[in-house]
Amino acid sequence: MSEEKTHFGYQNVDAAAKVGMVGQVFDSVAAKYDVMNDLMSFGVHRLWKRFTVSQAAVRPGQVVLDLAGGTGDLAAKFSERVGSKGLVVLADINNAMLSTGRDRLIDKGLVHNIDYAQANAEYLPFEDDSFDVITMAFGLRNVTDKDRALESMHRVLKPGGKLLVLEFSKPVLPLLSKAYDAYSFSALPLMGKLVANDADSYRYLAESIRMHPDQDTLESMMISAGFGRTSYHNLTGGVVALHKGYKF
């Protein structure tokens, strides 16, 4: 019986192997992750994340799950907003990324209302109806079974809770799309080689963006997973989109 297949960038690989392959990428890039994000997006990723935080509308006392939370920039913002009676759980499947985020947040003095979990989004290790808000920024495209992950997120959300997925998407203007392709496959691997000494990981990241579902497809997947009042907001001409959905 043949193994189930999935994509790793443009490669066709065994689904069971993808988690480890993605893990190797993020083990490699963890130390330079934030520097590279600033370089690759010319700092605009900070505006995308700021918009996500504003749309999350987190309130004091709420419980927030930041999935694929990486180096903790969203978790830091949510920690300020939920206050002493709230809780933020920073979760990432990759230990190197999670450790980098934990160290950064501790250095900022954010120790009283943040917990950490090494977790696979497809099999979240939390009780049903646990979180008021779930965010996932630039992580869903690396998940092997995105439908299963969305169903898992729906399960652990409280009724009335909301999910926000910030992810690279499909540019809506043909000229922008062509320029973006040229930039992604020429500049990103070169920057990865010069700054992080790792061109291959950044070539994979560029390919993973192209293999990710477009805006309407991802919205349909969220609806199939049980989310209601779904919507998306294109940012930077659709280079990135913020998807939102609620559990009822």
C-alpha atoms as a PDB file:
ATOM      1  CA  MET A   1       0.000   0.000   0.000  1.00  0.00           C
ATOM      2  CA  SER A   2       1.493   3.357  -1.030  1.00  0.00           C
ATOM      3  CA  GLU A   3       2.102   6.148   1.455  1.00  0.00           C
ATOM      4  CA  GLU A   4      -0.186   9.180   1.383  1.00  0.00           C
ATOM      5  CA  LYS A   5       1.533  12.024  -0.458  1.00  0.00           C
ATOM      6  CA  THR A   6       1.624  15.772   0.152  1.00  0.00           C
ATOM      7  CA  HIS A   7       3.720  18.691  -1.027  1.00  0.00           C
ATOM      8  CA  PHE A   8       6.856  20.105   0.557  1.00  0.00           C
ATOM      9  CA  GLY A   9       7.269  23.243  -1.478  1.00  0.00           C
ATOM     10  CA  TYR A  10       7.237  21.940  -5.041  1.00  0.00           C
ATOM     11  CA  GLN A  11       8.342  18.440  -4.035  1.00  0.00           C
ATOM     12  CA  ASN A  12       5.952  15.517  -3.677  1.00  0.00           C
ATOM     13  CA  VAL A  13       6.760  13.750  -0.401  1.00  0.00           C
ATOM     14  CA  ASP A  14       5.271  11.183   1.971  1.00  0.00           C
ATOM     15  CA  ALA A  15       2.807  12.952   4.232  1.00  0.00           C
ATOM     16  CA  ALA A  16       4.369  11.289   7.275  1.00  0.00           C
ATOM     17  CA  ALA A  17       7.749  12.828   6.426  1.00  0.00           C
ATOM     18  CA  LYS A  18       6.616  16.438   5.998  1.00  0.00           C
ATOM     19  CA  VAL A  19       6.546  17.389   9.686  1.00  0.00           C
ATOM     20  CA  GLY A  20      10.192  16.421  10.069  1.00  0.00           C
ATOM     21  CA  MET A  21      11.196  18.203   6.874  1.00  0.00           C
ATOM     22  CA  VAL A  22       9.448  21.425   7.917  1.00  0.00           C
ATOM     23  CA  GLY A  23      11.041  21.006  11.332  1.00  0.00           C
ATOM     24  CA  GLN A  24      14.508  20.979   9.780  1.00  0.00           C
ATOM     25  CA  VAL A  25      13.707  24.239   7.948  1.00  0.00           C
ATOM     26  CA  PHE A  26      12.699  26.034  11.118  1.00  0.00           C
ATOM     27  CA  ASP A  27      15.524  24.551  13.170  1.00  0.00           C
ATOM     28  CA  SER A  28      17.775  26.192  10.600  1.00  0.00           C
ATOM     29  CA  VAL A  29      16.081  29.604  10.412  1.00  0.00           C
ATOM     30  CA  ALA A  30      15.034  30.138  14.054  1.00  0.00           C
ATOM     31  CA  ALA A  31      18.032  32.238  15.102  1.00  0.00           C
ATOM     32  CA  LYS A  32      17.691  34.640  12.149  1.00  0.00           C
ATOM     33  CA  TYR A  33      13.914  34.448  11.785  1.00  0.00           C
ATOM     34  CA  ASP A  34      13.040  38.002  12.812  1.00  0.00           C
ATOM     35  CA  VAL A  35      15.955  39.601  10.968  1.00  0.00           C
ATOM     36  CA  MET A  36      14.936  37.770   7.808  1.00  0.00           C
ATOM     37  CA  ASN A  37      11.263  38.719   8.238  1.00  0.00           C
ATOM     38  CA  ASP A  38      12.236  42.387   8.363  1.00  0.00           C
ATOM     39  CA  LEU A  39      14.466  42.043   5.316  1.00  0.00           C
ATOM     40  CA  MET A  40      12.060  39.959   3.248  1.00  0.00           C
ATOM     41  CA  SER A  41       9.023  42.163   3.862  1.00  0.00           C
ATOM     42  CA  PHE A  42      10.896  45.480   4.220  1.00  0.00           C
ATOM     43  CA  GLY A  43       9.397  45.623   7.720  1.00  0.00           C
ATOM     44  CA  VAL A  44       5.808  45.454   6.456  1.00  0.00           C
ATOM     45  CA  HIS A  45       5.189  42.177   8.339  1.00  0.00           C
ATOM     46  CA  ARG A  46       4.980  44.289  11.484  1.00  0.00           C
ATOM     47  CA  LEU A  47       2.035  46.222  10.005  1.00  0.00           C
ATOM     48  CA  TRP A  48       0.318  42.984   8.962  1.00  0.00           C
ATOM     49  CA  LYS A  49       0.659  41.646  12.496  1.00  0.00           C
ATOM     50  CA  ARG A  50      -0.487  44.934  14.025  1.00  0.00           C
ATOM     51  CA  PHE A  51      -3.642  44.737  11.908  1.00  0.00           C
ATOM     52  CA  THR A  52      -4.177  41.150  13.090  1.00  0.00           C
ATOM     53  CA  VAL A  53      -3.890  42.206  16.725  1.00  0.00           C
ATOM     54  CA  SER A  54      -6.406  45.009  16.176  1.00  0.00           C
ATOM     55  CA  GLN A  55      -8.866  42.620  14.477  1.00  0.00           C
ATOM     56  CA  ALA A  56      -8.486  40.084  17.282  1.00  0.00           C
ATOM     57  CA  ALA A  57      -9.963  42.701  19.660  1.00  0.00           C
ATOM     58  CA  VAL A  58      -8.692  40.755  22.666  1.00  0.00           C
ATOM     59  CA  ARG A  59     -10.147  41.881  25.999  1.00  0.00           C
ATOM     60  CA  PRO A  60      -8.863  41.706  29.593  1.00  0.00           C
ATOM     61  CA  GLY A  61      -9.359  38.290  31.159  1.00  0.00           C
ATOM     62  CA  GLN A  62      -9.583  36.355  27.894  1.00  0.00           C
ATOM     63  CA  VAL A  63      -7.635  33.221  27.001  1.00  0.00           C
ATOM     64  CA  VAL A  64      -5.718  33.375  23.709  1.00  0.00           C
ATOM     65  CA  LEU A  65      -3.904  30.664  21.743  1.00  0.00           C
ATOM     66  CA  ASP A  66      -1.160  31.933  19.420  1.00  0.00           C
ATOM     67  CA  LEU A  67      -0.428  28.971  17.127  1.00  0.00           C
ATOM     68  CA  ALA A  68       2.829  28.756  15.205  1.00  0.00           C
ATOM     69  CA  GLY A  69       3.685  31.644  17.495  1.00  0.00           C
ATOM     70  CA  GLY A  70       7.373  31.437  16.703  1.00  0.00           C
ATOM     71  CA  THR A  71       9.367  34.232  18.245  1.00  0.00           C
ATOM     72  CA  GLY A  72       6.443  35.624  20.219  1.00  0.00           C
ATOM     73  CA  ASP A  73       5.669  39.017  18.685  1.00  0.00           C
ATOM     74  CA  LEU A  74       1.890  38.441  18.658  1.00  0.00           C
ATOM     75  CA  ALA A  75       1.939  36.765  22.059  1.00  0.00           C
ATOM     76  CA  ALA A  76       3.676  39.818  23.555  1.00  0.00           C
ATOM     77  CA  LYS A  77       0.891  42.102  22.314  1.00  0.00           C
ATOM     78  CA  PHE A  78      -1.832  39.766  23.537  1.00  0.00           C
ATOM     79  CA  SER A  79      -0.162  39.448  26.937  1.00  0.00           C
ATOM     80  CA  GLU A  80      -0.539  43.206  27.437  1.00  0.00           C
ATOM     81  CA  ARG A  81      -4.205  43.099  26.427  1.00  0.00           C
ATOM     82  CA  VAL A  82      -5.457  40.112  28.429  1.00  0.00           C
ATOM     83  CA  GLY A  83      -3.895  41.471  31.626  1.00  0.00           C
ATOM     84  CA  SER A  84      -3.226  39.674  34.879  1.00  0.00           C
ATOM     85  CA  LYS A  85      -6.514  37.737  34.827  1.00  0.00           C
ATOM     86  CA  GLY A  86      -6.077  36.492  31.258  1.00  0.00           C
ATOM     87  CA  LEU A  87      -3.758  33.961  29.668  1.00  0.00           C
ATOM     88  CA  VAL A  88      -1.841  33.644  26.402  1.00  0.00           C
ATOM     89  CA  VAL A  89      -0.608  30.235  25.259  1.00  0.00           C
ATOM     90  CA  LEU A  90       2.282  30.470  22.811  1.00  0.00           C
ATOM     91  CA  ALA A  91       2.342  27.232  20.820  1.00  0.00           C
ATOM     92  CA  ASP A  92       4.656  26.031  18.075  1.00  0.00           C
ATOM     93  CA  ILE A  93       5.433  22.589  16.689  1.00  0.00           C
ATOM     94  CA  ASN A  94       9.121  23.488  16.456  1.00  0.00           C
ATOM     95  CA  ASN A  95      11.164  23.476  19.671  1.00  0.00           C
ATOM     96  CA  ALA A  96      13.842  25.846  18.332  1.00  0.00           C
ATOM     97  CA  MET A  97      11.238  28.451  17.427  1.00  0.00           C
ATOM     98  CA  LEU A  98       9.360  27.978  20.704  1.00  0.00           C
ATOM     99  CA  SER A  99      12.568  28.326  22.735  1.00  0.00           C
ATOM    100  CA  THR A 100      13.486  31.505  20.856  1.00  0.00           C
ATOM    101  CA  GLY A 101      10.042  32.963  21.563  1.00  0.00           C
ATOM    102  CA  ARG A 102      10.110  31.960  25.227  1.00  0.00           C
ATOM    103  CA  ASP A 103      13.541  33.514  25.762  1.00  0.00           C
ATOM    104  CA  ARG A 104      12.461  36.732  24.071  1.00  0.00           C
ATOM    105  CA  LEU A 105       9.269  37.083  26.128  1.00  0.00           C
ATOM    106  CA  ILE A 106      11.090  36.331  29.379  1.00  0.00           C
ATOM    107  CA  ASP A 107      13.677  38.983  28.476  1.00  0.00           C
ATOM    108  CA  LYS A 108      10.782  41.426  28.089  1.00  0.00           C
ATOM    109  CA  GLY A 109       9.537  40.537  31.569  1.00  0.00           C
ATOM    110  CA  LEU A 110       6.385  38.861  30.259  1.00  0.00           C
ATOM    111  CA  VAL A 111       6.279  35.906  32.643  1.00  0.00           C
ATOM    112  CA  HIS A 112       2.990  36.064  34.556  1.00  0.00           C
ATOM    113  CA  ASN A 113       0.293  35.379  31.964  1.00  0.00           C
ATOM    114  CA  ILE A 114       2.014  33.355  29.220  1.00  0.00           C
ATOM    115  CA  ASP A 115       2.218  29.584  28.960  1.00  0.00           C
ATOM    116  CA  TYR A 116       4.079  27.569  26.321  1.00  0.00           C
ATOM    117  CA  ALA A 117       3.184  24.402  24.436  1.00  0.00           C
ATOM    118  CA  GLN A 118       5.020  22.436  21.773  1.00  0.00           C
ATOM    119  CA  ALA A 119       2.016  21.377  19.747  1.00  0.00           C
ATOM    120  CA  ASN A 120       0.994  20.135  16.317  1.00  0.00           C
ATOM    121  CA  ALA A 121      -1.926  22.215  15.013  1.00  0.00           C
ATOM    122  CA  GLU A 122      -3.562  19.067  13.638  1.00  0.00           C
ATOM    123  CA  TYR A 123      -3.795  17.493  17.113  1.00  0.00           C
ATOM    124  CA  LEU A 124      -4.056  20.331  19.619  1.00  0.00           C
ATOM    125  CA  PRO A 125      -3.490  19.042  23.177  1.00  0.00           C
ATOM    126  CA  PHE A 126      -6.187  21.208  24.763  1.00  0.00           C
ATOM    127  CA  GLU A 127      -9.696  20.618  26.079  1.00  0.00           C
ATOM    128  CA  ASP A 128     -12.740  21.452  23.988  1.00  0.00           C
ATOM    129  CA  ASP A 129     -13.966  25.069  24.273  1.00  0.00           C
ATOM    130  CA  SER A 130     -10.750  26.385  25.864  1.00  0.00           C
ATOM    131  CA  PHE A 131      -9.928  29.632  24.044  1.00  0.00           C
ATOM    132  CA  ASP A 132     -11.641  32.931  23.309  1.00  0.00           C
ATOM    133  CA  VAL A 133      -9.323  33.749  20.409  1.00  0.00           C
ATOM    134  CA  ILE A 134      -6.922  31.704  18.273  1.00  0.00           C
ATOM    135  CA  THR A 135      -4.396  33.318  15.957  1.00  0.00           C
ATOM    136  CA  MET A 136      -2.050  31.676  13.477  1.00  0.00           C
ATOM    137  CA  ALA A 137       0.370  33.937  11.626  1.00  0.00           C
ATOM    138  CA  PHE A 138       2.381  32.529   8.714  1.00  0.00           C
ATOM    139  CA  GLY A 139       2.071  28.956   9.930  1.00  0.00           C
ATOM    140  CA  LEU A 140      -0.880  27.288   8.228  1.00  0.00           C
ATOM    141  CA  ARG A 141       0.898  26.841   4.895  1.00  0.00           C
ATOM    142  CA  ASN A 142       3.461  24.581   6.633  1.00  0.00           C
ATOM    143  CA  VAL A 143       0.807  22.255   8.096  1.00  0.00           C
ATOM    144  CA  THR A 144       0.478  18.875   6.405  1.00  0.00           C
ATOM    145  CA  ASP A 145      -3.306  18.442   6.775  1.00  0.00           C
ATOM    146  CA  LYS A 146      -4.788  21.932   6.861  1.00  0.00           C
ATOM    147  CA  ASP A 147      -8.392  20.694   7.060  1.00  0.00           C
ATOM    148  CA  ARG A 148      -7.610  18.632  10.154  1.00  0.00           C
ATOM    149  CA  ALA A 149      -5.812  21.606  11.723  1.00  0.00           C
ATOM    150  CA  LEU A 150      -8.791  23.906  11.142  1.00  0.00           C
ATOM    151  CA  GLU A 151     -11.112  21.306  12.680  1.00  0.00           C
ATOM    152  CA  SER A 152      -8.774  21.023  15.671  1.00  0.00           C
ATOM    153  CA  MET A 153      -8.785  24.805  16.124  1.00  0.00           C
ATOM    154  CA  HIS A 154     -12.574  24.852  15.904  1.00  0.00           C
ATOM    155  CA  ARG A 155     -12.790  22.185  18.615  1.00  0.00           C
ATOM    156  CA  VAL A 156     -10.694  24.087  21.163  1.00  0.00           C
ATOM    157  CA  LEU A 157     -12.375  27.456  20.551  1.00  0.00           C
ATOM    158  CA  LYS A 158     -15.126  28.505  22.940  1.00  0.00           C
ATOM    159  CA  PRO A 159     -18.569  29.074  21.418  1.00  0.00           C
ATOM    160  CA  GLY A 160     -18.521  32.658  20.182  1.00  0.00           C
ATOM    161  CA  GLY A 161     -14.737  32.571  19.894  1.00  0.00           C
ATOM    162  CA  LYS A 162     -12.866  33.669  16.809  1.00  0.00           C
ATOM    163  CA  LEU A 163     -10.026  32.368  14.673  1.00  0.00           C
ATOM    164  CA  LEU A 164      -7.688  34.656  12.741  1.00  0.00           C
ATOM    165  CA  VAL A 165      -5.317  33.201  10.152  1.00  0.00           C
ATOM    166  CA  LEU A 166      -2.707  35.586   8.740  1.00  0.00           C
ATOM    167  CA  GLU A 167      -0.997  34.011   5.772  1.00  0.00           C
ATOM    168  CA  PHE A 168       0.663  34.734   2.459  1.00  0.00           C
ATOM    169  CA  SER A 169      -1.937  34.493  -0.279  1.00  0.00           C
ATOM    170  CA  LYS A 170      -2.512  35.283  -3.958  1.00  0.00           C
ATOM    171  CA  PRO A 171      -1.867  38.850  -5.236  1.00  0.00           C
ATOM    172  CA  VAL A 172      -4.960  40.267  -6.920  1.00  0.00           C
ATOM    173  CA  LEU A 173      -3.127  42.353  -9.555  1.00  0.00           C
ATOM    174  CA  PRO A 174      -1.342  40.537 -12.434  1.00  0.00           C
ATOM    175  CA  LEU A 175       1.620  42.935 -12.494  1.00  0.00           C
ATOM    176  CA  LEU A 176       2.066  42.647  -8.739  1.00  0.00           C
ATOM    177  CA  SER A 177       1.899  38.865  -9.018  1.00  0.00           C
ATOM    178  CA  LYS A 178       4.683  38.775 -11.631  1.00  0.00           C
ATOM    179  CA  ALA A 179       6.923  41.110  -9.631  1.00  0.00           C
ATOM    180  CA  TYR A 180       6.257  39.109  -6.461  1.00  0.00           C
ATOM    181  CA  ASP A 181       7.192  35.841  -8.193  1.00  0.00           C
ATOM    182  CA  ALA A 182      10.441  37.319  -9.469  1.00  0.00           C
ATOM    183  CA  TYR A 183      11.282  38.673  -6.017  1.00  0.00           C
ATOM    184  CA  SER A 184      10.368  35.443  -4.195  1.00  0.00           C
ATOM    185  CA  PHE A 185      12.434  33.085  -6.306  1.00  0.00           C
ATOM    186  CA  SER A 186      15.449  35.335  -6.860  1.00  0.00           C
ATOM    187  CA  ALA A 187      15.848  37.628  -3.867  1.00  0.00           C
ATOM    188  CA  LEU A 188      14.597  35.405  -1.021  1.00  0.00           C
ATOM    189  CA  PRO A 189      17.031  32.499  -1.525  1.00  0.00           C
ATOM    190  CA  LEU A 190      19.867  34.985  -2.033  1.00  0.00           C
ATOM    191  CA  MET A 191      19.015  36.810   1.209  1.00  0.00           C
ATOM    192  CA  GLY A 192      18.726  33.465   2.954  1.00  0.00           C
ATOM    193  CA  LYS A 193      22.199  32.520   1.771  1.00  0.00           C
ATOM    194  CA  LEU A 194      23.798  35.861   2.699  1.00  0.00           C
ATOM    195  CA  VAL A 195      22.084  36.440   6.063  1.00  0.00           C
ATOM    196  CA  ALA A 196      21.185  32.980   7.364  1.00  0.00           C
ATOM    197  CA  ASN A 197      23.628  30.883   5.298  1.00  0.00           C
ATOM    198  CA  ASP A 198      20.641  28.838   4.138  1.00  0.00           C
ATOM    199  CA  ALA A 199      19.304  29.412   0.628  1.00  0.00           C
ATOM    200  CA  ASP A 200      17.408  26.091   0.516  1.00  0.00           C
ATOM    201  CA  SER A 201      15.126  26.857   3.470  1.00  0.00           C
ATOM    202  CA  TYR A 202      14.104  30.187   1.985  1.00  0.00           C
ATOM    203  CA  ARG A 203      13.533  28.586  -1.406  1.00  0.00           C
ATOM    204  CA  TYR A 204      11.181  26.152   0.348  1.00  0.00           C
ATOM    205  CA  LEU A 205       9.389  29.038   2.080  1.00  0.00           C
ATOM    206  CA  ALA A 206       8.848  30.768  -1.270  1.00  0.00           C
ATOM    207  CA  GLU A 207       7.535  27.536  -2.794  1.00  0.00           C
ATOM    208  CA  SER A 208       5.255  26.859   0.185  1.00  0.00           C
ATOM    209  CA  ILE A 209       3.601  30.243  -0.363  1.00  0.00           C
ATOM    210  CA  ARG A 210       2.759  29.307  -3.962  1.00  0.00           C
ATOM    211  CA  MET A 211       1.299  25.954  -2.881  1.00  0.00           C
ATOM    212  CA  HIS A 212      -0.951  27.498  -0.213  1.00  0.00           C
ATOM    213  CA  PRO A 213      -4.688  27.758  -1.007  1.00  0.00           C
ATOM    214  CA  ASP A 214      -5.906  31.090  -2.366  1.00  0.00           C
ATOM    215  CA  GLN A 215      -8.225  33.381  -0.421  1.00  0.00           C
ATOM    216  CA  ASP A 216     -11.547  31.883  -1.505  1.00  0.00           C
ATOM    217  CA  THR A 217     -10.326  28.296  -1.141  1.00  0.00           C
ATOM    218  CA  LEU A 218      -9.097  28.883   2.401  1.00  0.00           C
ATOM    219  CA  GLU A 219     -12.385  30.555   3.323  1.00  0.00           C
ATOM    220  CA  SER A 220     -14.243  27.496   1.992  1.00  0.00           C
ATOM    221  CA  MET A 221     -11.991  25.241   4.067  1.00  0.00           C
ATOM    222  CA  MET A 222     -12.806  27.254   7.193  1.00  0.00           C
ATOM    223  CA  ILE A 223     -16.534  26.925   6.484  1.00  0.00           C
ATOM    224  CA  SER A 224     -16.135  23.158   5.998  1.00  0.00           C
ATOM    225  CA  ALA A 225     -14.359  22.976   9.376  1.00  0.00           C
ATOM    226  CA  GLY A 226     -17.419  24.528  11.051  1.00  0.00           C
ATOM    227  CA  PHE A 227     -16.597  28.235  11.170  1.00  0.00           C
ATOM    228  CA  GLY A 228     -19.293  30.834  10.552  1.00  0.00           C
ATOM    229  CA  ARG A 229     -19.295  34.531   9.615  1.00  0.00           C
ATOM    230  CA  THR A 230     -16.085  33.919   7.697  1.00  0.00           C
ATOM    231  CA  SER A 231     -14.361  36.749   5.874  1.00  0.00           C
ATOM    232  CA  TYR A 232     -10.941  37.772   4.637  1.00  0.00           C
ATOM    233  CA  HIS A 233      -9.117  41.045   4.195  1.00  0.00           C
ATOM    234  CA  ASN A 234      -6.419  41.394   1.546  1.00  0.00           C
ATOM    235  CA  LEU A 235      -3.285  43.204   2.663  1.00  0.00           C
ATOM    236  CA  THR A 236      -0.623  44.623   0.317  1.00  0.00           C
ATOM    237  CA  GLY A 237      -2.687  43.734  -2.729  1.00  0.00           C
ATOM    238  CA  GLY A 238      -3.343  40.165  -1.627  1.00  0.00           C
ATOM    239  CA  VAL A 239       0.297  39.288  -0.994  1.00  0.00           C
ATOM    240  CA  VAL A 240      -1.041  38.516   2.473  1.00  0.00           C
ATOM    241  CA  ALA A 241      -4.618  37.926   3.619  1.00  0.00           C
ATOM    242  CA  LEU A 242      -6.159  37.887   7.082  1.00  0.00           C
ATOM    243  CA  HIS A 243      -8.944  35.300   7.352  1.00  0.00           C
ATOM    244  CA  LYS A 244     -11.452  35.437  10.181  1.00  0.00           C
ATOM    245  CA  GLY A 245     -14.102  32.991  11.345  1.00  0.00           C
ATOM    246  CA  TYR A 246     -16.256  32.368  14.423  1.00  0.00           C
ATOM    247  CA  LYS A 247     -17.424  29.283  16.290  1.00  0.00           C
ATOM    248  CA  PHE A 248     -21.159  29.138  17.006  1.00  0.00           C
END
